[in-house]
C-alpha atoms as a PDB file:
ATOM      1  CA  MET A   1       0.000   0.000   0.000  1.00  0.00           C
ATOM      2  CA  LYS A   2       2.781   2.407   0.927  1.00  0.00           C
ATOM      3  CA  LYS A   3       4.558   1.749  -2.385  1.00  0.00           C
ATOM      4  CA  GLU A   4       1.339   2.376  -4.292  1.00  0.00           C
ATOM      5  CA  LYS A   5       0.844   5.725  -2.524  1.00  0.00           C
ATOM      6  CA  ILE A   6       4.374   6.747  -3.435  1.00  0.00           C
ATOM      7  CA  ARG A   7       3.796   5.834  -7.082  1.00  0.00           C
ATOM      8  CA  ARG A   8       0.561   7.790  -7.103  1.00  0.00           C
ATOM      9  CA  ARG A   9       2.167  10.870  -5.543  1.00  0.00           C
ATOM     10  CA  GLU A  10       4.975  10.695  -8.095  1.00  0.00           C
ATOM     11  CA  PHE A  11       2.464  10.435 -10.937  1.00  0.00           C
ATOM     12  CA  LEU A  12       0.501  13.428  -9.694  1.00  0.00           C
ATOM     13  CA  ARG A  13       3.662  15.464  -9.224  1.00  0.00           C
ATOM     14  CA  ARG A  14       4.827  14.737 -12.744  1.00  0.00           C
ATOM     15  CA  SER A  15       1.355  15.210 -14.215  1.00  0.00           C
ATOM     16  CA  MET A  16       0.961  18.635 -12.649  1.00  0.00           C
ATOM     17  CA  SER A  17       4.409  19.687 -13.829  1.00  0.00           C
ATOM     18  CA  LEU A  18       3.440  18.689 -17.374  1.00  0.00           C
ATOM     19  CA  GLY A  19       0.005  20.295 -17.198  1.00  0.00           C
ATOM     20  CA  LEU A  20      -1.814  16.949 -17.245  1.00  0.00           C
ATOM     21  CA  GLY A  21      -3.472  14.729 -14.667  1.00  0.00           C
ATOM     22  CA  VAL A  22      -6.460  15.887 -12.669  1.00  0.00           C
ATOM     23  CA  SER A  23      -7.029  18.961 -14.865  1.00  0.00           C
ATOM     24  CA  LEU A  24      -8.185  16.601 -17.611  1.00  0.00           C
ATOM     25  CA  GLY A  25     -11.124  15.426 -15.527  1.00  0.00           C
ATOM     26  CA  ASN A  26     -10.904  11.951 -17.027  1.00  0.00           C
ATOM     27  CA  ALA A  27      -9.897   9.075 -14.763  1.00  0.00           C
ATOM     28  CA  SER A  28      -9.412   6.616 -17.608  1.00  0.00           C
ATOM     29  CA  LEU A  29      -7.128   8.964 -19.490  1.00  0.00           C
ATOM     30  CA  SER A  30      -5.078   9.539 -16.340  1.00  0.00           C
ATOM     31  CA  LYS A  31      -4.727   5.779 -15.969  1.00  0.00           C
ATOM     32  CA  ILE A  32      -3.389   5.404 -19.503  1.00  0.00           C
ATOM     33  CA  ILE A  33      -0.958   8.294 -19.077  1.00  0.00           C
ATOM     34  CA  ARG A  34       0.202   7.048 -15.678  1.00  0.00           C
ATOM     35  CA  ARG A  35       1.083   3.638 -17.082  1.00  0.00           C
ATOM     36  CA  ALA A  36       2.973   5.204 -19.972  1.00  0.00           C
ATOM     37  CA  PHE A  37       5.049   7.443 -17.702  1.00  0.00           C
ATOM     38  CA  PHE A  38       6.149   4.551 -15.510  1.00  0.00           C
ATOM     39  CA  LEU A  39       7.027   2.414 -18.501  1.00  0.00           C
ATOM     40  CA  THR A  40       9.293   5.058 -20.021  1.00  0.00           C
ATOM     41  CA  ASP A  41      11.294   5.469 -16.801  1.00  0.00           C
ATOM     42  CA  GLU A  42      13.544   2.582 -17.836  1.00  0.00           C
ATOM     43  CA  GLY A  43      15.213   4.451 -20.682  1.00  0.00           C
ATOM     44  CA  SER A  44      15.402   3.938 -24.432  1.00  0.00           C
ATOM     45  CA  GLU A  45      15.667   0.371 -25.636  1.00  0.00           C
ATOM     46  CA  ILE A  46      14.381  -1.012 -28.900  1.00  0.00           C
ATOM     47  CA  SER A  47      14.515  -4.404 -30.558  1.00  0.00           C
ATOM     48  CA  VAL A  48      14.967  -5.021 -34.274  1.00  0.00           C
ATOM     49  CA  VAL A  49      14.301  -8.445 -35.763  1.00  0.00           C
ATOM     50  CA  THR A  50      15.143  -9.094 -39.405  1.00  0.00           C
ATOM     51  CA  GLY A  51      13.738 -11.981 -41.429  1.00  0.00           C
ATOM     52  CA  SER A  52      10.870 -13.160 -43.585  1.00  0.00           C
ATOM     53  CA  ASP A  53       8.632 -14.793 -40.940  1.00  0.00           C
ATOM     54  CA  TYR A  54       6.841 -11.650 -39.811  1.00  0.00           C
ATOM     55  CA  PHE A  55       4.512 -13.398 -37.360  1.00  0.00           C
ATOM     56  CA  ARG A  56       7.332 -15.166 -35.515  1.00  0.00           C
ATOM     57  CA  ASN A  57       9.609 -12.140 -35.687  1.00  0.00           C
ATOM     58  CA  THR A  58       6.953  -9.927 -34.096  1.00  0.00           C
ATOM     59  CA  ILE A  59       6.805 -12.276 -31.147  1.00  0.00           C
ATOM     60  CA  LYS A  60      10.586 -12.404 -31.028  1.00  0.00           C
ATOM     61  CA  ALA A  61      10.842  -8.593 -31.007  1.00  0.00           C
ATOM     62  CA  VAL A  62       8.502  -8.314 -28.012  1.00  0.00           C
ATOM     63  CA  GLU A  63      10.256 -11.139 -26.177  1.00  0.00           C
ATOM     64  CA  ALA A  64      13.577  -9.330 -26.641  1.00  0.00           C
ATOM     65  CA  LEU A  65      12.156  -6.440 -24.613  1.00  0.00           C
ATOM     66  CA  GLY A  66      11.151  -8.680 -21.717  1.00  0.00           C
ATOM     67  CA  GLY A  67       7.935 -10.238 -22.990  1.00  0.00           C
ATOM     68  CA  ILE A  68       4.368  -9.059 -23.425  1.00  0.00           C
ATOM     69  CA  ALA A  69       3.557  -9.302 -19.700  1.00  0.00           C
ATOM     70  CA  LYS A  70       5.874  -6.336 -19.181  1.00  0.00           C
ATOM     71  CA  PHE A  71       3.439  -4.212 -21.181  1.00  0.00           C
ATOM     72  CA  VAL A  72       0.032  -5.890 -20.805  1.00  0.00           C
ATOM     73  CA  PRO A  73      -1.066  -6.825 -17.259  1.00  0.00           C
ATOM     74  CA  LYS A  74      -3.309  -9.831 -16.766  1.00  0.00           C
ATOM     75  CA  GLY A  75      -6.952  -8.820 -17.015  1.00  0.00           C
ATOM     76  CA  ALA A  76      -6.216  -5.634 -18.949  1.00  0.00           C
ATOM     77  CA  ALA A  77      -8.403  -4.211 -21.687  1.00  0.00           C
ATOM     78  CA  VAL A  78      -6.105  -3.573 -24.650  1.00  0.00           C
ATOM     79  CA  ALA A  79      -6.630  -1.165 -27.531  1.00  0.00           C
ATOM     80  CA  ILE A  80      -4.581  -1.785 -30.676  1.00  0.00           C
ATOM     81  CA  VAL A  81      -4.010   0.863 -33.343  1.00  0.00           C
ATOM     82  CA  PRO A  82      -2.757  -0.554 -36.679  1.00  0.00           C
ATOM     83  CA  ASN A  83      -2.480   1.496 -39.874  1.00  0.00           C
ATOM     84  CA  SER A  84      -5.193   0.514 -42.343  1.00  0.00           C
ATOM     85  CA  GLN A  85      -5.586   3.684 -44.396  1.00  0.00           C
ATOM     86  CA  SER A  86      -4.680   2.218 -47.799  1.00  0.00           C
ATOM     87  CA  ARG A  87      -4.815  -1.169 -49.534  1.00  0.00           C
ATOM     88  CA  HIS A  88      -1.682  -0.642 -51.643  1.00  0.00           C
ATOM     89  CA  PRO A  89       1.368  -2.783 -50.814  1.00  0.00           C
ATOM     90  CA  GLY A  90       3.723  -1.163 -48.340  1.00  0.00           C
ATOM     91  CA  THR A  91       1.095   1.243 -46.952  1.00  0.00           C
ATOM     92  CA  PHE A  92      -0.647  -0.734 -44.176  1.00  0.00           C
ATOM     93  CA  THR A  93       0.322  -2.829 -41.175  1.00  0.00           C
ATOM     94  CA  LYS A  94       0.677  -6.443 -42.258  1.00  0.00           C
ATOM     95  CA  PRO A  95      -2.032  -8.827 -40.999  1.00  0.00           C
ATOM     96  CA  GLU A  96       0.485 -11.345 -39.626  1.00  0.00           C
ATOM     97  CA  ILE A  97       1.963  -8.630 -37.374  1.00  0.00           C
ATOM     98  CA  VAL A  98      -1.473  -7.707 -36.069  1.00  0.00           C
ATOM     99  CA  ARG A  99      -2.224 -11.406 -35.564  1.00  0.00           C
ATOM    100  CA  ALA A 100       0.955 -11.886 -33.537  1.00  0.00           C
ATOM    101  CA  VAL A 101       0.234  -8.911 -31.267  1.00  0.00           C
ATOM    102  CA  ILE A 102      -3.344 -10.040 -30.629  1.00  0.00           C
ATOM    103  CA  ARG A 103      -2.140 -13.524 -29.802  1.00  0.00           C
ATOM    104  CA  LEU A 104       0.515 -12.149 -27.440  1.00  0.00           C
ATOM    105  CA  CYS A 105      -2.119 -10.077 -25.624  1.00  0.00           C
ATOM    106  CA  LYS A 106      -4.313 -13.159 -25.258  1.00  0.00           C
ATOM    107  CA  GLU A 107      -1.382 -15.091 -23.822  1.00  0.00           C
ATOM    108  CA  ALA A 108      -0.803 -12.256 -21.339  1.00  0.00           C
ATOM    109  CA  GLY A 109      -4.362 -12.739 -20.095  1.00  0.00           C
ATOM    110  CA  ALA A 110      -5.968  -9.599 -21.541  1.00  0.00           C
ATOM    111  CA  ARG A 111      -9.685  -9.613 -20.815  1.00  0.00           C
ATOM    112  CA  GLU A 112     -10.502  -7.922 -24.120  1.00  0.00           C
ATOM    113  CA  ILE A 113      -8.600  -6.785 -27.202  1.00  0.00           C
ATOM    114  CA  ASN A 114      -9.986  -4.196 -29.598  1.00  0.00           C
ATOM    115  CA  CYS A 115      -8.705  -2.498 -32.718  1.00  0.00           C
ATOM    116  CA  LEU A 116      -9.938   1.092 -32.839  1.00  0.00           C
ATOM    117  CA  SER A 117     -10.592   3.147 -35.946  1.00  0.00           C
ATOM    118  CA  TRP A 118     -12.764   5.894 -37.378  1.00  0.00           C
ATOM    119  CA  LEU A 119     -12.128   4.518 -40.882  1.00  0.00           C
ATOM    120  CA  SER A 120     -14.914   2.468 -42.437  1.00  0.00           C
ATOM    121  CA  LYS A 121     -14.865  -1.323 -42.497  1.00  0.00           C
ATOM    122  CA  ASP A 122     -14.005  -1.239 -46.220  1.00  0.00           C
ATOM    123  CA  PHE A 123     -10.441  -0.205 -45.365  1.00  0.00           C
ATOM    124  CA  TRP A 124     -10.028  -3.103 -42.959  1.00  0.00           C
ATOM    125  CA  GLU A 125     -11.460  -5.606 -45.425  1.00  0.00           C
ATOM    126  CA  ALA A 126      -9.273  -4.371 -48.301  1.00  0.00           C
ATOM    127  CA  THR A 127      -6.104  -4.876 -46.252  1.00  0.00           C
ATOM    128  CA  GLY A 128      -7.121  -8.295 -44.912  1.00  0.00           C
ATOM    129  CA  LEU A 129      -6.947  -7.016 -41.349  1.00  0.00           C
ATOM    130  CA  VAL A 130     -10.589  -7.580 -40.459  1.00  0.00           C
ATOM    131  CA  HIS A 131     -10.240 -11.298 -41.178  1.00  0.00           C
ATOM    132  CA  VAL A 132      -7.274 -11.633 -38.818  1.00  0.00           C
ATOM    133  CA  ILE A 133      -8.965  -9.631 -36.072  1.00  0.00           C
ATOM    134  CA  GLU A 134     -12.095 -11.760 -36.180  1.00  0.00           C
ATOM    135  CA  GLU A 135     -10.190 -15.030 -36.547  1.00  0.00           C
ATOM    136  CA  GLU A 136      -8.090 -14.254 -33.460  1.00  0.00           C
ATOM    137  CA  GLY A 137     -11.135 -13.433 -31.348  1.00  0.00           C
ATOM    138  CA  ALA A 138     -10.475  -9.709 -31.041  1.00  0.00           C
ATOM    139  CA  SER A 139     -12.943  -6.981 -32.031  1.00  0.00           C
ATOM    140  CA  LEU A 140     -12.896  -4.113 -34.488  1.00  0.00           C
ATOM    141  CA  ARG A 141     -14.465  -1.055 -32.862  1.00  0.00           C
ATOM    142  CA  LEU A 142     -15.432   1.416 -35.575  1.00  0.00           C
ATOM    143  CA  ILE A 143     -16.073   4.998 -34.510  1.00  0.00           C
ATOM    144  CA  ASN A 144     -18.571   7.220 -36.319  1.00  0.00           C
ATOM    145  CA  ARG A 145     -16.263   9.991 -37.470  1.00  0.00           C
ATOM    146  CA  GLU A 146     -19.170  12.404 -37.966  1.00  0.00           C
ATOM    147  CA  ASP A 147     -20.463  12.013 -34.412  1.00  0.00           C
ATOM    148  CA  SER A 148     -18.658  14.516 -32.181  1.00  0.00           C
ATOM    149  CA  SER A 149     -19.939  12.727 -29.069  1.00  0.00           C
ATOM    150  CA  GLN A 150     -17.607   9.835 -29.922  1.00  0.00           C
ATOM    151  CA  PHE A 151     -14.564  12.026 -29.211  1.00  0.00           C
ATOM    152  CA  GLU A 152     -13.231  13.481 -25.970  1.00  0.00           C
ATOM    153  CA  ILE A 153     -11.825  17.018 -26.080  1.00  0.00           C
ATOM    154  CA  ILE A 154      -8.487  16.948 -24.263  1.00  0.00           C
ATOM    155  CA  PRO A 155      -6.400  20.048 -23.492  1.00  0.00           C
ATOM    156  CA  VAL A 156      -2.853  19.869 -24.850  1.00  0.00           C
ATOM    157  CA  HIS A 157      -1.117  21.947 -22.219  1.00  0.00           C
ATOM    158  CA  ARG A 158       2.363  21.367 -23.589  1.00  0.00           C
ATOM    159  CA  GLY A 159       1.380  22.030 -27.181  1.00  0.00           C
ATOM    160  CA  LYS A 160       3.279  24.759 -28.988  1.00  0.00           C
ATOM    161  CA  ILE A 161       0.585  24.956 -31.668  1.00  0.00           C
ATOM    162  CA  LEU A 162      -2.056  22.346 -30.827  1.00  0.00           C
ATOM    163  CA  LYS A 163      -4.041  23.459 -27.782  1.00  0.00           C
ATOM    164  CA  GLU A 164      -6.642  20.709 -27.693  1.00  0.00           C
ATOM    165  CA  ALA A 165      -7.126  17.288 -29.231  1.00  0.00           C
ATOM    166  CA  GLU A 166     -10.292  15.318 -29.936  1.00  0.00           C
ATOM    167  CA  ILE A 167      -9.434  11.771 -28.904  1.00  0.00           C
ATOM    168  CA  VAL A 168     -11.534   8.689 -29.646  1.00  0.00           C
ATOM    169  CA  LYS A 169     -13.554   8.295 -26.450  1.00  0.00           C
ATOM    170  CA  GLU A 170     -13.569   4.509 -26.770  1.00  0.00           C
ATOM    171  CA  LEU A 171      -9.826   4.522 -26.042  1.00  0.00           C
ATOM    172  CA  PHE A 172     -10.430   5.537 -22.433  1.00  0.00           C
ATOM    173  CA  ARG A 173     -12.261   2.291 -21.642  1.00  0.00           C
ATOM    174  CA  HIS A 174      -8.930   0.510 -22.043  1.00  0.00           C
ATOM    175  CA  ASP A 175      -6.051   0.008 -19.665  1.00  0.00           C
ATOM    176  CA  VAL A 176      -3.275   0.112 -22.265  1.00  0.00           C
ATOM    177  CA  PHE A 177      -2.942   0.689 -25.959  1.00  0.00           C
ATOM    178  CA  ILE A 178      -0.432  -0.622 -28.450  1.00  0.00           C
ATOM    179  CA  ASP A 179       0.712   1.392 -31.468  1.00  0.00           C
ATOM    180  CA  LEU A 180       1.094  -0.732 -34.629  1.00  0.00           C
ATOM    181  CA  PRO A 181       2.190   1.567 -37.455  1.00  0.00           C
ATOM    182  CA  VAL A 182       3.799   0.853 -40.767  1.00  0.00           C
ATOM    183  CA  VAL A 183       6.864   2.898 -41.716  1.00  0.00           C
ATOM    184  CA  LYS A 184       6.350   4.764 -45.003  1.00  0.00           C
ATOM    185  CA  ASP A 185       6.717   7.953 -46.983  1.00  0.00           C
ATOM    186  CA  HIS A 186       4.466  10.946 -46.418  1.00  0.00           C
ATOM    187  CA  ALA A 187       3.671  13.656 -48.949  1.00  0.00           C
ATOM    188  CA  GLY A 188       4.217  16.477 -46.476  1.00  0.00           C
ATOM    189  CA  ASN A 189       6.629  15.609 -43.692  1.00  0.00           C
ATOM    190  CA  ARG A 190       8.337  12.687 -45.548  1.00  0.00           C
ATOM    191  CA  PHE A 191       7.866  10.121 -42.770  1.00  0.00           C
ATOM    192  CA  THR A 192       5.121   8.082 -41.151  1.00  0.00           C
ATOM    193  CA  GLY A 193       5.836   5.994 -38.066  1.00  0.00           C
ATOM    194  CA  THR A 194       4.871   5.640 -34.419  1.00  0.00           C
ATOM    195  CA  MET A 195       4.242   9.328 -33.731  1.00  0.00           C
ATOM    196  CA  LYS A 196       2.170  10.054 -36.803  1.00  0.00           C
ATOM    197  CA  ASN A 197       0.099   6.888 -36.352  1.00  0.00           C
ATOM    198  CA  LEU A 198      -1.478   8.434 -33.242  1.00  0.00           C
ATOM    199  CA  MET A 199      -3.457  10.712 -35.549  1.00  0.00           C
ATOM    200  CA  ALA A 200      -5.654   7.624 -35.936  1.00  0.00           C
ATOM    201  CA  LEU A 201      -6.878   8.329 -32.389  1.00  0.00           C
ATOM    202  CA  ASN A 202      -7.553  12.000 -33.072  1.00  0.00           C
ATOM    203  CA  SER A 203     -10.738  13.073 -34.831  1.00  0.00           C
ATOM    204  CA  PRO A 204     -10.599  13.724 -38.594  1.00  0.00           C
ATOM    205  CA  ARG A 205     -11.878  17.249 -37.952  1.00  0.00           C
ATOM    206  CA  SER A 206      -9.000  17.984 -35.601  1.00  0.00           C
ATOM    207  CA  ASN A 207      -6.484  16.293 -37.906  1.00  0.00           C
ATOM    208  CA  ARG A 208      -7.590  18.510 -40.788  1.00  0.00           C
ATOM    209  CA  SER A 209      -6.555  21.546 -38.774  1.00  0.00           C
ATOM    210  CA  PHE A 210      -2.966  20.214 -38.833  1.00  0.00           C
ATOM    211  CA  HIS A 211      -2.929  20.599 -42.613  1.00  0.00           C
ATOM    212  CA  ARG A 212      -2.708  24.045 -44.073  1.00  0.00           C
ATOM    213  CA  GLU A 213      -3.733  24.477 -47.703  1.00  0.00           C
ATOM    214  CA  ASP A 214      -0.155  24.143 -48.977  1.00  0.00           C
ATOM    215  CA  TRP A 215       0.995  21.471 -46.490  1.00  0.00           C
ATOM    216  CA  LYS A 216       2.782  19.458 -49.199  1.00  0.00           C
ATOM    217  CA  THR A 217       4.932  22.252 -50.595  1.00  0.00           C
ATOM    218  CA  ASN A 218       5.369  25.136 -48.149  1.00  0.00           C
ATOM    219  CA  PRO A 219       8.153  24.515 -45.581  1.00  0.00           C
ATOM    220  CA  ASP A 220       6.304  26.632 -42.998  1.00  0.00           C
ATOM    221  CA  SER A 221       3.202  24.493 -43.441  1.00  0.00           C
ATOM    222  CA  VAL A 222       5.226  21.287 -43.137  1.00  0.00           C
ATOM    223  CA  ASP A 223       6.719  22.712 -39.932  1.00  0.00           C
ATOM    224  CA  TYR A 224       3.195  23.437 -38.686  1.00  0.00           C
ATOM    225  CA  LEU A 225       2.023  19.896 -39.438  1.00  0.00           C
ATOM    226  CA  ASP A 226       5.011  18.304 -37.725  1.00  0.00           C
ATOM    227  CA  GLN A 227       4.665  20.455 -34.612  1.00  0.00           C
ATOM    228  CA  CYS A 228       0.967  19.562 -34.347  1.00  0.00           C
ATOM    229  CA  ILE A 229       1.802  15.849 -34.506  1.00  0.00           C
ATOM    230  CA  ALA A 230       4.502  16.217 -31.854  1.00  0.00           C
ATOM    231  CA  ASP A 231       2.091  18.212 -29.683  1.00  0.00           C
ATOM    232  CA  LEU A 232      -0.551  15.500 -30.020  1.00  0.00           C
ATOM    233  CA  ASN A 233       1.972  12.947 -28.814  1.00  0.00           C
ATOM    234  CA  THR A 234       2.394  14.838 -25.523  1.00  0.00           C
ATOM    235  CA  VAL A 235      -1.153  13.882 -24.541  1.00  0.00           C
ATOM    236  CA  LEU A 236      -1.094  10.133 -25.156  1.00  0.00           C
ATOM    237  CA  GLU A 237       1.643   7.535 -25.090  1.00  0.00           C
ATOM    238  CA  PRO A 238       1.298   3.864 -26.006  1.00  0.00           C
ATOM    239  CA  ALA A 239       2.466   1.164 -23.626  1.00  0.00           C
ATOM    240  CA  LEU A 240       4.230  -0.534 -26.550  1.00  0.00           C
ATOM    241  CA  CYS A 241       4.992   0.176 -30.215  1.00  0.00           C
ATOM    242  CA  VAL A 242       5.466  -2.636 -32.725  1.00  0.00           C
ATOM    243  CA  VAL A 243       6.433  -1.252 -36.116  1.00  0.00           C
ATOM    244  CA  ASP A 244       6.015  -2.859 -39.510  1.00  0.00           C
ATOM    245  CA  ALA A 245       9.248  -2.035 -41.324  1.00  0.00           C
ATOM    246  CA  THR A 246       9.110  -5.194 -43.421  1.00  0.00           C
ATOM    247  CA  GLU A 247       8.304  -3.552 -46.753  1.00  0.00           C
ATOM    248  CA  PHE A 248       7.048  -0.041 -47.337  1.00  0.00           C
ATOM    249  CA  ILE A 249       6.691   2.752 -49.864  1.00  0.00           C
ATOM    250  CA  VAL A 250       9.363   5.443 -50.021  1.00  0.00           C
ATOM    251  CA  THR A 251       7.535   7.544 -52.629  1.00  0.00           C
ATOM    252  CA  ASN A 252       3.944   8.723 -53.124  1.00  0.00           C
ATOM    253  CA  GLY A 253       3.025   8.316 -49.468  1.00  0.00           C
ATOM    254  CA  PRO A 254       1.049   7.841 -47.437  1.00  0.00           C
ATOM    255  CA  PHE A 255      -1.492   6.148 -49.717  1.00  0.00           C
ATOM    256  CA  GLY A 256       0.665   4.875 -52.554  1.00  0.00           C
ATOM    257  CA  PRO A 257       1.189   3.080 -54.778  1.00  0.00           C
ATOM    258  CA  GLY A 258       4.874   3.899 -54.656  1.00  0.00           C
ATOM    259  CA  LYS A 259       8.386   2.563 -54.844  1.00  0.00           C
ATOM    260  CA  ILE A 260       8.834  -0.198 -52.281  1.00  0.00           C
ATOM    261  CA  ILE A 261      11.896  -1.221 -50.319  1.00  0.00           C
ATOM    262  CA  ILE A 262      12.004  -4.442 -48.284  1.00  0.00           C
ATOM    263  CA  PRO A 263      14.125  -4.231 -45.094  1.00  0.00           C
ATOM    264  CA  ARG A 264      12.141  -7.194 -43.595  1.00  0.00           C
ATOM    265  CA  LYS A 265      12.352  -5.669 -40.108  1.00  0.00           C
ATOM    266  CA  ILE A 266      10.068  -5.602 -37.087  1.00  0.00           C
ATOM    267  CA  VAL A 267      10.980  -2.794 -34.677  1.00  0.00           C
ATOM    268  CA  ALA A 268       9.573  -2.737 -31.146  1.00  0.00           C
ATOM    269  CA  GLY A 269       9.919  -0.580 -28.057  1.00  0.00           C
ATOM    270  CA  ARG A 270       8.322   2.115 -25.917  1.00  0.00           C
ATOM    271  CA  ASP A 271      10.248   5.162 -27.060  1.00  0.00           C
ATOM    272  CA  ARG A 272       8.532   6.584 -30.147  1.00  0.00           C
ATOM    273  CA  VAL A 273      11.258   9.125 -30.841  1.00  0.00           C
ATOM    274  CA  ALA A 274      13.946   6.435 -30.675  1.00  0.00           C
ATOM    275  CA  ILE A 275      11.989   4.033 -32.885  1.00  0.00           C
ATOM    276  CA  ASP A 276      11.133   6.651 -35.497  1.00  0.00           C
ATOM    277  CA  SER A 277      14.704   7.945 -35.472  1.00  0.00           C
ATOM    278  CA  TYR A 278      15.990   4.426 -36.119  1.00  0.00           C
ATOM    279  CA  CYS A 279      13.418   3.732 -38.842  1.00  0.00           C
ATOM    280  CA  THR A 280      14.407   6.822 -40.855  1.00  0.00           C
ATOM    281  CA  THR A 281      17.808   5.195 -41.368  1.00  0.00           C
ATOM    282  CA  LEU A 282      16.191   2.313 -43.249  1.00  0.00           C
ATOM    283  CA  TRP A 283      16.034   4.508 -46.325  1.00  0.00           C
ATOM    284  CA  GLY A 284      19.049   6.722 -45.799  1.00  0.00           C
ATOM    285  CA  MET A 285      17.732   9.503 -43.593  1.00  0.00           C
ATOM    286  CA  LYS A 286      18.379  10.635 -40.025  1.00  0.00           C
ATOM    287  CA  GLY A 287      15.866  11.341 -37.294  1.00  0.00           C
ATOM    288  CA  GLU A 288      17.088  14.925 -36.990  1.00  0.00           C
ATOM    289  CA  GLU A 289      16.029  15.550 -40.596  1.00  0.00           C
ATOM    290  CA  ILE A 290      12.349  14.943 -39.789  1.00  0.00           C
ATOM    291  CA  LEU A 291      10.894  17.914 -37.925  1.00  0.00           C
ATOM    292  CA  MET A 292       8.201  15.809 -36.238  1.00  0.00           C
ATOM    293  CA  ILE A 293      10.840  13.556 -34.663  1.00  0.00           C
ATOM    294  CA  ARG A 294      13.011  16.494 -33.656  1.00  0.00           C
ATOM    295  CA  TYR A 295      10.035  18.243 -32.057  1.00  0.00           C
ATOM    296  CA  GLY A 296       9.139  15.041 -30.227  1.00  0.00           C
ATOM    297  CA  PHE A 297      12.647  14.979 -28.820  1.00  0.00           C
ATOM    298  CA  GLU A 298      12.364  18.633 -27.811  1.00  0.00           C
ATOM    299  CA  HIS A 299       9.130  17.789 -25.999  1.00  0.00           C
ATOM    300  CA  GLY A 300      11.039  15.177 -24.007  1.00  0.00           C
ATOM    301  CA  LEU A 301       9.119  12.269 -25.532  1.00  0.00           C
ATOM    302  CA  GLY A 302      12.203  10.165 -26.199  1.00  0.00           C
ATOM    303  CA  GLU A 303      15.771   9.895 -27.403  1.00  0.00           C
ATOM    304  CA  ILE A 304      16.758  10.943 -30.923  1.00  0.00           C
ATOM    305  CA  ASN A 305      20.477  10.087 -30.739  1.00  0.00           C
ATOM    306  CA  LEU A 306      20.923   6.476 -31.853  1.00  0.00           C
ATOM    307  CA  LYS A 307      24.228   6.281 -30.001  1.00  0.00           C
ATOM    308  CA  LYS A 308      22.303   6.689 -26.748  1.00  0.00           C
ATOM    309  CA  ILE A 309      19.723   4.016 -27.569  1.00  0.00           C
ATOM    310  CA  LYS A 310      20.174   0.356 -26.724  1.00  0.00           C
ATOM    311  CA  ILE A 311      19.331  -1.467 -29.949  1.00  0.00           C
ATOM    312  CA  LYS A 312      18.921  -5.235 -29.776  1.00  0.00           C
ATOM    313  CA  GLN A 313      19.533  -6.568 -33.286  1.00  0.00           C
ATOM    314  CA  LEU A 314      18.266 -10.112 -33.894  1.00  0.00           C
ATOM    315  CA  GLY A 315      17.927 -12.379 -36.893  1.00  0.00           C
ATOM    316  CA  GLY A 316      14.670 -14.057 -37.778  1.00  0.00           C
END
């Protein structure tokens, strides 16, 4: 009991210093944020598994970090956020990766596992993801994007541009959430990964405000977009990120079709900045070159310097 009180006091202290916590007026949100803060206390460590068996390598990547029980407590309700926005090869999270994560959560004793999205079911069917979700006994929770009551308005106290977010309310029924992005090109900021994938939890109306009219061509507008994404990431943090870097488009993103490269890698960890920084190197970039990642680092969301990150490299 004494230890629990100490942990709670520490959470409240840190939450108040960051402008979060009780001011949000949402107990479920506080629970998700509290878990994320404690998980990131251990520093930046990521695992990278290379090989062609993406299901097995996903499991191997999580095991290299200490196993799924480190992230998903027994009896937890788990929300999973894959990328399903396009059916073109190299633009969506592979079904076998989603299958592996669902199965890991089941083995951890999760009481329920749900994939959340405000995209229509057509997107999930076109990518083959809905079949895997149903076959594994998880659920696809589709949010009516036009219904404002389905979103919770959350103040973004640390935001430099974004002052409030409209987060999928369904998320707050869950104890933890897992970010399952695919790495790929983006027409504006050049990179999609763990940080940008959290826009899937923000309402389309709010997301549109990130994009100025010339967001693909004007450097100031790209800067604006990247800062908004980094600001959004100060509000929510996943318990675990498992990234599909197996094959992805490096042109014509984020929808494709585009030129595909095939690194055959699964990248896992807690630190979104570290993971995204590493993933930029898979097609010859550096994390510092992507404003979104740099702004995430400036927000204190993670480590951008790969020399300071413990990277566990494994073969499949």
